Amino acid sequence: MASSRIPPVTLSLKQFLQRQKVLGLYRSMLRTIRQVPNEQDRKYLRDWAREEFKRNKGATEQDAIRMMVTQANMHLQDLQKSLALARS
């Protein structure tokens, strides 16, 4: 018997879009972290980001997810500003 390729729980369009937004944010964060010049700092930040996203992976409440996305965006912007200041 062939197994179905459809996951047991299909995401709604809203959930799918939110998931894509979170994954994009995660990728942006990892890309930005790659620009950190110090290897130890880069490793610390990469481990921190991975742990935060992994810890919140099971979140399902829309308001909580929105709040976490907002916080992650603020962290990303802070990191980008710090890197820009360090380069100048």
PDB file of N, CA and C in Angstrom:
ATOM      1  N   MET A   1       0.839  -1.180   0.000  1.00  0.00           N
ATOM      2  CA  MET A   1       0.000   0.000   0.000  1.00  0.00           C
ATOM      3  C   MET A   1       0.882   1.240   0.000  1.00  0.00           C
ATOM      4  N   ALA A   2       0.687   2.123  -0.951  1.00  0.00           N
ATOM      5  CA  ALA A   2       1.486   3.332  -1.073  1.00  0.00           C
ATOM      6  C   ALA A   2       1.045   4.362  -0.039  1.00  0.00           C
ATOM      7  N   SER A   3       2.012   4.999   0.587  1.00  0.00           N
ATOM      8  CA  SER A   3       1.665   6.017   1.576  1.00  0.00           C
ATOM      9  C   SER A   3       1.373   7.336   0.879  1.00  0.00           C
ATOM     10  N   SER A   4       0.501   8.105   1.468  1.00  0.00           N
ATOM     11  CA  SER A   4       0.107   9.385   0.893  1.00  0.00           C
ATOM     12  C   SER A   4       1.203  10.418   1.120  1.00  0.00           C
ATOM     13  N   ARG A   5       1.369  11.330   0.176  1.00  0.00           N
ATOM     14  CA  ARG A   5       2.347  12.400   0.310  1.00  0.00           C
ATOM     15  C   ARG A   5       1.752  13.587   1.064  1.00  0.00           C
ATOM     16  N   ILE A   6       0.459  13.572   1.275  1.00  0.00           N
ATOM     17  CA  ILE A   6      -0.203  14.661   1.988  1.00  0.00           C
ATOM     18  C   ILE A   6       0.033  14.455   3.480  1.00  0.00           C
ATOM     19  N   PRO A   7       0.513  15.500   4.172  1.00  0.00           N
ATOM     20  CA  PRO A   7       0.731  15.362   5.616  1.00  0.00           C
ATOM     21  C   PRO A   7      -0.589  15.108   6.337  1.00  0.00           C
ATOM     22  N   PRO A   8      -0.528  14.489   7.513  1.00  0.00           N
ATOM     23  CA  PRO A   8      -1.757  14.178   8.249  1.00  0.00           C
ATOM     24  C   PRO A   8      -2.602  15.414   8.558  1.00  0.00           C
ATOM     25  N   VAL A   9      -1.951  16.546   8.806  1.00  0.00           N
ATOM     26  CA  VAL A   9      -2.674  17.785   9.065  1.00  0.00           C
ATOM     27  C   VAL A   9      -2.234  18.803   8.022  1.00  0.00           C
ATOM     28  N   THR A  10      -3.162  19.231   7.204  1.00  0.00           N
ATOM     29  CA  THR A  10      -2.847  20.197   6.162  1.00  0.00           C
ATOM     30  C   THR A  10      -2.978  21.603   6.740  1.00  0.00           C
ATOM     31  N   LEU A  11      -2.014  22.456   6.423  1.00  0.00           N
ATOM     32  CA  LEU A  11      -2.030  23.825   6.918  1.00  0.00           C
ATOM     33  C   LEU A  11      -3.035  24.660   6.139  1.00  0.00           C
ATOM     34  N   SER A  12      -3.644  25.611   6.835  1.00  0.00           N
ATOM     35  CA  SER A  12      -4.501  26.567   6.143  1.00  0.00           C
ATOM     36  C   SER A  12      -3.593  27.541   5.392  1.00  0.00           C
ATOM     37  N   LEU A  13      -4.161  28.326   4.510  1.00  0.00           N
ATOM     38  CA  LEU A  13      -3.372  29.295   3.755  1.00  0.00           C
ATOM     39  C   LEU A  13      -2.677  30.274   4.700  1.00  0.00           C
ATOM     40  N   LYS A  14      -3.392  30.730   5.701  1.00  0.00           N
ATOM     41  CA  LYS A  14      -2.835  31.675   6.672  1.00  0.00           C
ATOM     42  C   LYS A  14      -1.645  31.048   7.408  1.00  0.00           C
ATOM     43  N   GLN A  15      -1.799  29.796   7.834  1.00  0.00           N
ATOM     44  CA  GLN A  15      -0.713  29.105   8.534  1.00  0.00           C
ATOM     45  C   GLN A  15       0.473  28.880   7.600  1.00  0.00           C
ATOM     46  N   PHE A  16       0.194  28.537   6.353  1.00  0.00           N
ATOM     47  CA  PHE A  16       1.256  28.305   5.385  1.00  0.00           C
ATOM     48  C   PHE A  16       2.063  29.583   5.162  1.00  0.00           C
ATOM     49  N   LEU A  17       1.365  30.701   4.980  1.00  0.00           N
ATOM     50  CA  LEU A  17       2.038  31.975   4.755  1.00  0.00           C
ATOM     51  C   LEU A  17       2.848  32.393   5.979  1.00  0.00           C
ATOM     52  N   GLN A  18       2.293  32.154   7.144  1.00  0.00           N
ATOM     53  CA  GLN A  18       3.008  32.490   8.373  1.00  0.00           C
ATOM     54  C   GLN A  18       4.263  31.619   8.523  1.00  0.00           C
ATOM     55  N   ARG A  19       4.143  30.364   8.159  1.00  0.00           N
ATOM     56  CA  ARG A  19       5.291  29.448   8.215  1.00  0.00           C
ATOM     57  C   ARG A  19       6.384  29.915   7.262  1.00  0.00           C
ATOM     58  N   GLN A  20       6.002  30.342   6.058  1.00  0.00           N
ATOM     59  CA  GLN A  20       6.978  30.834   5.098  1.00  0.00           C
ATOM     60  C   GLN A  20       7.666  32.097   5.606  1.00  0.00           C
ATOM     61  N   LYS A  21       6.908  32.942   6.277  1.00  0.00           N
ATOM     62  CA  LYS A  21       7.466  34.166   6.841  1.00  0.00           C
ATOM     63  C   LYS A  21       8.503  33.837   7.914  1.00  0.00           C
ATOM     64  N   VAL A  22       8.186  32.877   8.779  1.00  0.00           N
ATOM     65  CA  VAL A  22       9.105  32.474   9.847  1.00  0.00           C
ATOM     66  C   VAL A  22      10.368  31.852   9.254  1.00  0.00           C
ATOM     67  N   LEU A  23      10.207  30.987   8.270  1.00  0.00           N
ATOM     68  CA  LEU A  23      11.375  30.363   7.641  1.00  0.00           C
ATOM     69  C   LEU A  23      12.249  31.401   6.945  1.00  0.00           C
ATOM     70  N   GLY A  24      11.633  32.369   6.303  1.00  0.00           N
ATOM     71  CA  GLY A  24      12.386  33.444   5.658  1.00  0.00           C
ATOM     72  C   GLY A  24      13.149  34.288   6.672  1.00  0.00           C
ATOM     73  N   LEU A  25      12.512  34.543   7.799  1.00  0.00           N
ATOM     74  CA  LEU A  25      13.154  35.290   8.876  1.00  0.00           C
ATOM     75  C   LEU A  25      14.356  34.514   9.424  1.00  0.00           C
ATOM     76  N   TYR A  26      14.191  33.223   9.590  1.00  0.00           N
ATOM     77  CA  TYR A  26      15.279  32.364  10.079  1.00  0.00           C
ATOM     78  C   TYR A  26      16.457  32.393   9.103  1.00  0.00           C
ATOM     79  N   ARG A  27      16.163  32.266   7.814  1.00  0.00           N
ATOM     80  CA  ARG A  27      17.230  32.315   6.809  1.00  0.00           C
ATOM     81  C   ARG A  27      17.932  33.670   6.801  1.00  0.00           C
ATOM     82  N   SER A  28      17.170  34.737   6.904  1.00  0.00           N
ATOM     83  CA  SER A  28      17.756  36.084   6.936  1.00  0.00           C
ATOM     84  C   SER A  28      18.662  36.247   8.146  1.00  0.00           C
ATOM     85  N   MET A  29      18.216  35.713   9.256  1.00  0.00           N
ATOM     86  CA  MET A  29      19.015  35.818  10.472  1.00  0.00           C
ATOM     87  C   MET A  29      20.334  35.057  10.318  1.00  0.00           C
ATOM     88  N   LEU A  30      20.270  33.839   9.773  1.00  0.00           N
ATOM     89  CA  LEU A  30      21.494  33.063   9.588  1.00  0.00           C
ATOM     90  C   LEU A  30      22.422  33.730   8.576  1.00  0.00           C
ATOM     91  N   ARG A  31      21.861  34.319   7.521  1.00  0.00           N
ATOM     92  CA  ARG A  31      22.683  35.027   6.527  1.00  0.00           C
ATOM     93  C   ARG A  31      23.383  36.231   7.157  1.00  0.00           C
ATOM     94  N   THR A  32      22.658  36.949   7.993  1.00  0.00           N
ATOM     95  CA  THR A  32      23.233  38.120   8.653  1.00  0.00           C
ATOM     96  C   THR A  32      24.315  37.697   9.645  1.00  0.00           C
ATOM     97  N   ILE A  33      24.060  36.616  10.356  1.00  0.00           N
ATOM     98  CA  ILE A  33      25.042  36.121  11.332  1.00  0.00           C
ATOM     99  C   ILE A  33      26.338  35.729  10.638  1.00  0.00           C
ATOM    100  N   ARG A  34      26.257  35.240   9.410  1.00  0.00           N
ATOM    101  CA  ARG A  34      27.470  34.872   8.665  1.00  0.00           C
ATOM    102  C   ARG A  34      28.402  36.057   8.451  1.00  0.00           C
ATOM    103  N   GLN A  35      27.877  37.267   8.544  1.00  0.00           N
ATOM    104  CA  GLN A  35      28.681  38.469   8.327  1.00  0.00           C
ATOM    105  C   GLN A  35      29.446  38.910   9.569  1.00  0.00           C
ATOM    106  N   VAL A  36      29.164  38.291  10.716  1.00  0.00           N
ATOM    107  CA  VAL A  36      29.855  38.637  11.954  1.00  0.00           C
ATOM    108  C   VAL A  36      31.317  38.219  11.820  1.00  0.00           C
ATOM    109  N   PRO A  37      32.255  39.162  12.038  1.00  0.00           N
ATOM    110  CA  PRO A  37      33.665  38.855  11.793  1.00  0.00           C
ATOM    111  C   PRO A  37      34.298  37.862  12.782  1.00  0.00           C
ATOM    112  N   ASN A  38      33.918  37.919  14.028  1.00  0.00           N
ATOM    113  CA  ASN A  38      34.531  37.063  15.043  1.00  0.00           C
ATOM    114  C   ASN A  38      33.884  35.678  15.028  1.00  0.00           C
ATOM    115  N   GLU A  39      34.703  34.645  14.889  1.00  0.00           N
ATOM    116  CA  GLU A  39      34.205  33.265  14.790  1.00  0.00           C
ATOM    117  C   GLU A  39      33.433  32.836  16.040  1.00  0.00           C
ATOM    118  N   GLN A  40      33.937  33.182  17.224  1.00  0.00           N
ATOM    119  CA  GLN A  40      33.252  32.790  18.466  1.00  0.00           C
ATOM    120  C   GLN A  40      31.885  33.472  18.578  1.00  0.00           C
ATOM    121  N   ASP A  41      31.838  34.755  18.244  1.00  0.00           N
ATOM    122  CA  ASP A  41      30.564  35.481  18.275  1.00  0.00           C
ATOM    123  C   ASP A  41      29.589  34.903  17.259  1.00  0.00           C
ATOM    124  N   ARG A  42      30.105  34.581  16.070  1.00  0.00           N
ATOM    125  CA  ARG A  42      29.271  34.004  15.018  1.00  0.00           C
ATOM    126  C   ARG A  42      28.673  32.680  15.478  1.00  0.00           C
ATOM    127  N   LYS A  43      29.498  31.832  16.086  1.00  0.00           N
ATOM    128  CA  LYS A  43      29.010  30.532  16.573  1.00  0.00           C
ATOM    129  C   LYS A  43      27.974  30.723  17.670  1.00  0.00           C
ATOM    130  N   TYR A  44      28.240  31.651  18.600  1.00  0.00           N
ATOM    131  CA  TYR A  44      27.298  31.915  19.685  1.00  0.00           C
ATOM    132  C   TYR A  44      25.944  32.364  19.124  1.00  0.00           C
ATOM    133  N   LEU A  45      25.965  33.320  18.203  1.00  0.00           N
ATOM    134  CA  LEU A  45      24.726  33.847  17.633  1.00  0.00           C
ATOM    135  C   LEU A  45      23.977  32.794  16.825  1.00  0.00           C
ATOM    136  N   ARG A  46      24.710  31.985  16.069  1.00  0.00           N
ATOM    137  CA  ARG A  46      24.078  30.921  15.279  1.00  0.00           C
ATOM    138  C   ARG A  46      23.412  29.902  16.192  1.00  0.00           C
ATOM    139  N   ASP A  47      24.117  29.494  17.245  1.00  0.00           N
ATOM    140  CA  ASP A  47      23.541  28.543  18.201  1.00  0.00           C
ATOM    141  C   ASP A  47      22.328  29.138  18.909  1.00  0.00           C
ATOM    142  N   TRP A  48      22.422  30.429  19.264  1.00  0.00           N
ATOM    143  CA  TRP A  48      21.308  31.091  19.930  1.00  0.00           C
ATOM    144  C   TRP A  48      20.075  31.123  19.023  1.00  0.00           C
ATOM    145  N   ALA A  49      20.282  31.519  17.759  1.00  0.00           N
ATOM    146  CA  ALA A  49      19.153  31.608  16.820  1.00  0.00           C
ATOM    147  C   ALA A  49      18.519  30.237  16.610  1.00  0.00           C
ATOM    148  N   ARG A  50      19.343  29.234  16.380  1.00  0.00           N
ATOM    149  CA  ARG A  50      18.816  27.883  16.175  1.00  0.00           C
ATOM    150  C   ARG A  50      18.023  27.412  17.379  1.00  0.00           C
ATOM    151  N   GLU A  51      18.554  27.653  18.566  1.00  0.00           N
ATOM    152  CA  GLU A  51      17.884  27.203  19.783  1.00  0.00           C
ATOM    153  C   GLU A  51      16.547  27.918  19.985  1.00  0.00           C
ATOM    154  N   GLU A  52      16.520  29.229  19.722  1.00  0.00           N
ATOM    155  CA  GLU A  52      15.273  29.990  19.880  1.00  0.00           C
ATOM    156  C   GLU A  52      14.192  29.491  18.915  1.00  0.00           C
ATOM    157  N   PHE A  53      14.564  29.301  17.657  1.00  0.00           N
ATOM    158  CA  PHE A  53      13.576  28.843  16.681  1.00  0.00           C
ATOM    159  C   PHE A  53      13.144  27.411  16.995  1.00  0.00           C
ATOM    160  N   LYS A  54      14.080  26.582  17.421  1.00  0.00           N
ATOM    161  CA  LYS A  54      13.753  25.200  17.742  1.00  0.00           C
ATOM    162  C   LYS A  54      12.844  25.134  18.970  1.00  0.00           C
ATOM    163  N   ARG A  55      13.123  25.995  19.959  1.00  0.00           N
ATOM    164  CA  ARG A  55      12.334  26.007  21.197  1.00  0.00           C
ATOM    165  C   ARG A  55      10.885  26.405  20.926  1.00  0.00           C
ATOM    166  N   ASN A  56      10.691  27.280  19.970  1.00  0.00           N
ATOM    167  CA  ASN A  56       9.344  27.779  19.671  1.00  0.00           C
ATOM    168  C   ASN A  56       8.695  27.091  18.482  1.00  0.00           C
ATOM    169  N   LYS A  57       9.285  26.020  18.021  1.00  0.00           N
ATOM    170  CA  LYS A  57       8.804  25.308  16.835  1.00  0.00           C
ATOM    171  C   LYS A  57       7.354  24.831  16.976  1.00  0.00           C
ATOM    172  N   GLY A  58       6.978  24.416  18.158  1.00  0.00           N
ATOM    173  CA  GLY A  58       5.646  23.855  18.361  1.00  0.00           C
ATOM    174  C   GLY A  58       4.558  24.872  18.654  1.00  0.00           C
ATOM    175  N   ALA A  59       4.882  26.145  18.629  1.00  0.00           N
ATOM    176  CA  ALA A  59       3.891  27.183  18.929  1.00  0.00           C
ATOM    177  C   ALA A  59       2.780  27.166  17.885  1.00  0.00           C
ATOM    178  N   THR A  60       1.548  27.268  18.348  1.00  0.00           N
ATOM    179  CA  THR A  60       0.415  27.235  17.429  1.00  0.00           C
ATOM    180  C   THR A  60      -0.489  28.459  17.559  1.00  0.00           C
ATOM    181  N   GLU A  61      -0.419  29.167  18.659  1.00  0.00           N
ATOM    182  CA  GLU A  61      -1.291  30.317  18.865  1.00  0.00           C
ATOM    183  C   GLU A  61      -0.832  31.486  17.984  1.00  0.00           C
ATOM    184  N   GLN A  62      -1.705  31.993  17.155  1.00  0.00           N
ATOM    185  CA  GLN A  62      -1.373  33.006  16.157  1.00  0.00           C
ATOM    186  C   GLN A  62      -0.791  34.273  16.778  1.00  0.00           C
ATOM    187  N   ASP A  63      -1.380  34.738  17.883  1.00  0.00           N
ATOM    188  CA  ASP A  63      -0.889  35.966  18.520  1.00  0.00           C
ATOM    189  C   ASP A  63       0.519  35.779  19.064  1.00  0.00           C
ATOM    190  N   ALA A  64       0.779  34.643  19.675  1.00  0.00           N
ATOM    191  CA  ALA A  64       2.111  34.367  20.210  1.00  0.00           C
ATOM    192  C   ALA A  64       3.139  34.289  19.088  1.00  0.00           C
ATOM    193  N   ILE A  65       2.778  33.677  17.988  1.00  0.00           N
ATOM    194  CA  ILE A  65       3.693  33.567  16.851  1.00  0.00           C
ATOM    195  C   ILE A  65       3.981  34.953  16.285  1.00  0.00           C
ATOM    196  N   ARG A  66       2.957  35.779  16.155  1.00  0.00           N
ATOM    197  CA  ARG A  66       3.148  37.145  15.653  1.00  0.00           C
ATOM    198  C   ARG A  66       4.099  37.925  16.556  1.00  0.00           C
ATOM    199  N   MET A  67       3.938  37.767  17.868  1.00  0.00           N
ATOM    200  CA  MET A  67       4.800  38.456  18.826  1.00  0.00           C
ATOM    201  C   MET A  67       6.251  37.975  18.676  1.00  0.00           C
ATOM    202  N   MET A  68       6.440  36.662  18.520  1.00  0.00           N
ATOM    203  CA  MET A  68       7.790  36.111  18.368  1.00  0.00           C
ATOM    204  C   MET A  68       8.429  36.581  17.064  1.00  0.00           C
ATOM    205  N   VAL A  69       7.646  36.681  15.999  1.00  0.00           N
ATOM    206  CA  VAL A  69       8.157  37.170  14.717  1.00  0.00           C
ATOM    207  C   VAL A  69       8.592  38.627  14.859  1.00  0.00           C
ATOM    208  N   THR A  70       7.807  39.418  15.565  1.00  0.00           N
ATOM    209  CA  THR A  70       8.146  40.825  15.790  1.00  0.00           C
ATOM    210  C   THR A  70       9.446  40.939  16.570  1.00  0.00           C
ATOM    211  N   GLN A  71       9.584  40.146  17.622  1.00  0.00           N
ATOM    212  CA  GLN A  71      10.811  40.162  18.417  1.00  0.00           C
ATOM    213  C   GLN A  71      12.017  39.724  17.581  1.00  0.00           C
ATOM    214  N   ALA A  72      11.848  38.692  16.790  1.00  0.00           N
ATOM    215  CA  ALA A  72      12.946  38.209  15.951  1.00  0.00           C
ATOM    216  C   ALA A  72      13.344  39.266  14.925  1.00  0.00           C
ATOM    217  N   ASN A  73      12.364  39.971  14.366  1.00  0.00           N
ATOM    218  CA  ASN A  73      12.670  41.051  13.423  1.00  0.00           C
ATOM    219  C   ASN A  73      13.458  42.168  14.106  1.00  0.00           C
ATOM    220  N   MET A  74      13.096  42.489  15.349  1.00  0.00           N
ATOM    221  CA  MET A  74      13.835  43.523  16.085  1.00  0.00           C
ATOM    222  C   MET A  74      15.268  43.073  16.350  1.00  0.00           C
ATOM    223  N   HIS A  75      15.455  41.803  16.730  1.00  0.00           N
ATOM    224  CA  HIS A  75      16.811  41.279  16.947  1.00  0.00           C
ATOM    225  C   HIS A  75      17.618  41.330  15.648  1.00  0.00           C
ATOM    226  N   LEU A  76      16.985  40.966  14.552  1.00  0.00           N
ATOM    227  CA  LEU A  76      17.660  40.980  13.261  1.00  0.00           C
ATOM    228  C   LEU A  76      18.073  42.400  12.880  1.00  0.00           C
ATOM    229  N   GLN A  77      17.176  43.356  13.062  1.00  0.00           N
ATOM    230  CA  GLN A  77      17.495  44.746  12.740  1.00  0.00           C
ATOM    231  C   GLN A  77      18.625  45.269  13.630  1.00  0.00           C
ATOM    232  N   ASP A  78      18.603  44.910  14.918  1.00  0.00           N
ATOM    233  CA  ASP A  78      19.675  45.323  15.828  1.00  0.00           C
ATOM    234  C   ASP A  78      21.015  44.754  15.371  1.00  0.00           C
ATOM    235  N   LEU A  79      21.017  43.496  14.986  1.00  0.00           N
ATOM    236  CA  LEU A  79      22.245  42.863  14.527  1.00  0.00           C
ATOM    237  C   LEU A  79      22.747  43.525  13.248  1.00  0.00           C
ATOM    238  N   GLN A  80      21.837  43.808  12.329  1.00  0.00           N
ATOM    239  CA  GLN A  80      22.228  44.459  11.080  1.00  0.00           C
ATOM    240  C   GLN A  80      22.793  45.862  11.335  1.00  0.00           C
ATOM    241  N   LYS A  81      22.193  46.602  12.264  1.00  0.00           N
ATOM    242  CA  LYS A  81      22.695  47.934  12.612  1.00  0.00           C
ATOM    243  C   LYS A  81      24.077  47.840  13.246  1.00  0.00           C
ATOM    244  N   SER A  82      24.262  46.878  14.134  1.00  0.00           N
ATOM    245  CA  SER A  82      25.555  46.703  14.796  1.00  0.00           C
ATOM    246  C   SER A  82      26.642  46.354  13.777  1.00  0.00           C
ATOM    247  N   LEU A  83      26.313  45.495  12.832  1.00  0.00           N
ATOM    248  CA  LEU A  83      27.283  45.128  11.799  1.00  0.00           C
ATOM    249  C   LEU A  83      27.611  46.336  10.917  1.00  0.00           C
ATOM    250  N   ALA A  84      26.604  47.141  10.598  1.00  0.00           N
ATOM    251  CA  ALA A  84      26.841  48.327   9.769  1.00  0.00           C
ATOM    252  C   ALA A  84      27.727  49.314  10.503  1.00  0.00           C
ATOM    253  N   LEU A  85      27.499  49.493  11.806  1.00  0.00           N
ATOM    254  CA  LEU A  85      28.328  50.401  12.599  1.00  0.00           C
ATOM    255  C   LEU A  85      29.763  49.877  12.712  1.00  0.00           C
ATOM    256  N   ALA A  86      29.904  48.574  12.844  1.00  0.00           N
ATOM    257  CA  ALA A  86      31.241  47.977  12.974  1.00  0.00           C
ATOM    258  C   ALA A  86      32.032  48.145  11.680  1.00  0.00           C
ATOM    259  N   ARG A  87      31.364  48.135  10.538  1.00  0.00           N
ATOM    260  CA  ARG A  87      32.040  48.269   9.245  1.00  0.00           C
ATOM    261  C   ARG A  87      32.474  49.720   8.996  1.00  0.00           C
ATOM    262  N   SER A  88      31.729  50.680   9.580  1.00  0.00           N
ATOM    263  CA  SER A  88      32.041  52.103   9.281  1.00  0.00           C
ATOM    264  C   SER A  88      33.132  52.648  10.162  1.00  0.00           C
TER     265      SER A  88
END
